[in-house]
Every structure is written in C-alpha cells, then in structure tokens.
Amino acid sequence: MIGLAAERGLPIQIHTGLQEGNGNFIENSKPTLLTGLFFDFPDARFDLFHAGYPWAGEVAALAKNFANVYADLCWMPAVSPAFTARVLDEWIETIPANKILAVGGDSNYVEGAFGHCTIARRLVSDVLSRKVAGDYLTSTEAHWLANRLLRENARELFHLNQEAVE
C-alpha cells in the first residue's frame, strides 16, 4: 500500500499519539516507532497526525531528520489550544517551514470544521504575534509563515496545486 501511494504521489496519513475513544494502548502510537518505515520508504511522504500528543518533540525530531515526514497539528487546536500553541512555537524553531500543517480534516460536519479552523487561525496568529514581538520573526516573515501553515503546505503535500495526480 505504501509503495502504491508513493508511486501515485499520495501522502500516507498516520494517527500518532492521542487516539479517539478510550482503552487504547497509547504507547503503540509513539511517533518514533515509525522510524523504520521512513527508512524503508524514502520516496513516500508521511503526514503524522495530532502532533503525536503527548510526544510532539518526537514528531519534531522526525520531521527535521526525514525529508519525507510532515508534522500535522490536525485535531489538536480543538483538543488543547494551550498544548497546540506551545508545540507550534517550538516547531517553528525546529522544523522546516514547509513541513508543518496547522489544521485539517478535524470534523465530520461543516460547522465543526469551521470551528476548528477558526481556533487554529487564532492560535497561529497568537503564536506568530509573539514571535514578532520577541524579534524571532519580522512581520513579513510571520505573514508568509501563516500562509504556509494554514494553506500552502497542505496544497503542496496533497498536490492541490496541480490539475491532477497521475
């Protein structure tokens, strides 16, 4: 399956960390357990969901060290805005800007998706504002990064800039 997805240019999405429901073996969802997979399929692109909560540092290390690994905050803005803000602040400093996704596919209903996107936009704005206030980013860089995090990175990862994936 992974080989076929890679051949077609489709990313592989993997739930890491916190899972929906109760009674899950949370240790089985540690992001670093996937390291062998990233070595075995260097041409595949992997989208690691939920910031690997509570192992967001592992996701950062994997996304920084593997060209084919992307860090996705999907679902996290609704689960814990405080955690999401801390993680995004760290990821901006550790992961290449083109490999962070700030929001995505978080609800089965349009109202939920809108709400999650609104929360994510506010979090991104707050974190980037603090980065500008602390002289880590310029205002121009923050605007560019907001566009990457909220739009362009997903468009590139999922080939949404192209007419079709062959």
Protein backbone atom coordinates (compact mmCIF):
# COMPACT_ATOMS: atom_id res chain seq x y z
CA MET A 1 0.00 0.00 0.00
CA ILE A 2 2.71 2.48 0.94
CA GLY A 3 4.60 1.77 -2.28
CA LEU A 4 1.47 2.32 -4.36
CA ALA A 5 0.70 5.57 -2.57
CA ALA A 6 4.27 6.76 -3.14
CA GLU A 7 4.09 5.86 -6.85
CA ARG A 8 0.94 7.97 -7.16
CA GLY A 9 2.35 10.87 -5.15
CA LEU A 10 -0.18 10.43 -2.35
CA PRO A 11 0.88 11.06 1.25
CA ILE A 12 0.38 8.41 3.91
CA GLN A 13 -1.53 9.79 6.89
CA ILE A 14 -0.80 8.18 10.24
CA HIS A 15 -2.55 8.79 13.54
CA THR A 16 0.09 9.30 16.21
CA GLY A 17 -0.29 9.91 19.92
CA LEU A 18 -3.76 10.57 21.29
CA GLN A 19 -6.48 8.41 19.76
CA GLU A 20 -10.22 8.93 19.78
CA GLY A 21 -12.11 6.93 22.38
CA ASN A 22 -10.89 5.10 25.46
CA GLY A 23 -8.89 1.98 26.18
CA ASN A 24 -6.19 2.40 23.54
CA PHE A 25 -2.61 1.23 24.01
CA ILE A 26 -1.20 4.74 23.82
CA GLU A 27 2.43 3.53 23.83
CA ASN A 28 1.75 1.88 20.46
CA SER A 29 1.14 5.31 18.95
CA LYS A 30 4.55 6.82 19.76
CA PRO A 31 5.83 8.54 16.61
CA THR A 32 9.38 7.18 16.87
CA LEU A 33 8.04 3.62 16.48
CA LEU A 34 7.60 4.57 12.80
CA THR A 35 11.29 5.34 12.17
CA GLY A 36 11.96 2.09 10.30
CA LEU A 37 9.06 2.83 7.96
CA PHE A 38 10.57 6.17 6.99
CA PHE A 39 13.86 4.46 6.14
CA ASP A 40 12.11 1.65 4.24
CA PHE A 41 10.04 4.02 2.09
CA PRO A 42 12.17 7.11 1.40
CA ASP A 43 10.06 8.06 -1.63
CA ALA A 44 6.80 8.06 0.34
CA ARG A 45 5.59 11.14 2.18
CA PHE A 46 4.22 10.64 5.69
CA ASP A 47 1.79 13.02 7.39
CA LEU A 48 1.92 12.45 11.18
CA PHE A 49 -1.38 13.42 12.78
CA HIS A 50 -2.22 15.04 16.11
CA ALA A 51 1.30 16.31 16.86
CA GLY A 52 1.97 12.86 18.30
CA TYR A 53 0.36 14.10 21.53
CA PRO A 54 1.95 13.90 24.08
CA TRP A 55 5.13 13.20 22.07
CA ALA A 56 5.29 16.36 19.95
CA GLY A 57 9.06 16.53 20.39
CA GLU A 58 9.37 13.15 18.68
CA VAL A 59 7.33 14.43 15.74
CA ALA A 60 9.61 17.48 15.52
CA ALA A 61 12.73 15.30 15.51
CA LEU A 62 11.29 13.01 12.84
CA ALA A 63 10.12 15.87 10.60
CA LYS A 64 13.50 17.56 10.92
CA ASN A 65 15.52 14.42 10.25
CA PHE A 66 13.47 12.81 7.49
CA ALA A 67 12.76 14.68 4.26
CA ASN A 68 9.61 12.59 3.80
CA VAL A 69 7.96 13.29 7.19
CA TYR A 70 5.48 16.12 7.85
CA ALA A 71 4.17 17.35 11.21
CA ASP A 72 0.41 17.84 11.40
CA LEU A 73 -1.46 19.61 14.20
CA CYS A 74 -4.86 18.38 12.97
CA TRP A 75 -7.41 17.92 15.76
CA MET A 76 -5.07 19.41 18.38
CA PRO A 77 -6.40 23.00 18.35
CA ALA A 78 -9.78 21.64 19.48
CA VAL A 79 -8.30 19.13 21.96
CA SER A 80 -5.94 21.54 23.71
CA PRO A 81 -5.30 25.06 22.46
CA ALA A 82 -2.60 25.57 25.12
CA PHE A 83 -0.68 22.46 24.05
CA THR A 84 -1.07 23.40 20.39
CA ALA A 85 0.32 26.90 20.97
CA ARG A 86 3.36 25.54 22.86
CA VAL A 87 4.03 22.92 20.19
CA LEU A 88 3.66 25.33 17.28
CA ASP A 89 6.01 27.78 19.00
CA GLU A 90 8.63 25.01 19.26
CA TRP A 91 8.04 23.55 15.80
CA ILE A 92 8.54 26.94 14.14
CA GLU A 93 12.05 26.92 15.61
CA THR A 94 12.89 23.29 14.82
CA ILE A 95 11.08 22.06 11.70
CA PRO A 96 11.42 23.44 8.15
CA ALA A 97 8.53 25.82 7.49
CA ASN A 98 7.22 23.77 4.56
CA LYS A 99 6.64 20.68 6.73
CA ILE A 100 4.15 21.95 9.34
CA LEU A 101 0.38 21.72 8.84
CA ALA A 102 -1.66 23.78 11.32
CA VAL A 103 -5.17 22.47 10.72
CA GLY A 104 -7.07 19.92 8.70
CA GLY A 105 -9.86 17.35 8.43
CA ASP A 106 -10.92 17.69 12.02
CA SER A 107 -14.68 17.12 11.85
CA ASN A 108 -17.39 15.21 10.06
CA TYR A 109 -19.59 18.32 9.98
CA VAL A 110 -19.07 21.66 8.28
CA GLU A 111 -19.83 23.56 11.50
CA GLY A 112 -17.17 21.58 13.36
CA ALA A 113 -14.63 22.07 10.58
CA PHE A 114 -15.33 25.81 10.60
CA GLY A 115 -14.93 25.96 14.37
CA HIS A 116 -11.68 24.00 14.30
CA CYS A 117 -10.30 26.22 11.54
CA THR A 118 -11.25 29.34 13.49
CA ILE A 119 -9.47 28.06 16.61
CA ALA A 120 -6.40 27.10 14.56
CA ARG A 121 -6.23 30.51 12.85
CA ARG A 122 -6.36 32.27 16.20
CA LEU A 123 -3.65 30.03 17.62
CA VAL A 124 -1.39 30.57 14.61
CA SER A 125 -1.98 34.32 14.81
CA ASP A 126 -1.21 34.40 18.55
CA VAL A 127 1.97 32.33 18.24
CA LEU A 128 3.25 34.32 15.26
CA SER A 129 2.45 37.61 17.00
CA ARG A 130 4.59 36.52 19.95
CA LYS A 131 7.38 35.51 17.57
CA VAL A 132 7.27 39.00 16.02
CA ALA A 133 7.12 40.72 19.43
CA GLY A 134 10.16 38.68 20.51
CA ASP A 135 12.08 39.61 17.33
CA TYR A 136 12.27 35.98 16.20
CA LEU A 137 10.31 36.85 13.02
CA THR A 138 9.60 40.02 11.12
CA SER A 139 6.01 40.91 10.34
CA THR A 140 6.61 39.98 6.70
CA GLU A 141 8.03 36.59 7.69
CA ALA A 142 5.08 35.96 10.02
CA HIS A 143 2.55 36.67 7.24
CA TRP A 144 4.46 34.36 4.89
CA LEU A 145 4.61 31.63 7.55
CA ALA A 146 0.90 31.93 8.37
CA ASN A 147 0.11 31.32 4.70
CA ARG A 148 2.41 28.28 4.69
CA LEU A 149 0.96 26.78 7.87
CA LEU A 150 -2.70 27.36 7.05
CA ARG A 151 -2.73 26.82 3.28
CA GLU A 152 0.31 26.29 1.11
CA ASN A 153 1.91 23.37 2.95
CA ALA A 154 -1.26 21.30 2.62
CA ARG A 155 -1.67 22.33 -1.02
CA GLU A 156 1.85 21.12 -1.76
CA LEU A 157 1.68 17.92 0.31
CA PHE A 158 -1.60 16.86 -1.31
CA HIS A 159 -0.73 18.16 -4.80
CA LEU A 160 -3.67 20.55 -4.76
CA ASN A 161 -1.73 23.00 -6.94
CA GLN A 162 -1.79 20.55 -9.82
CA GLU A 163 -4.60 19.70 -12.20
CA ALA A 164 -4.37 16.01 -11.36
CA VAL A 165 -2.02 13.48 -9.85
CA GLU A 166 -1.13 10.83 -12.39
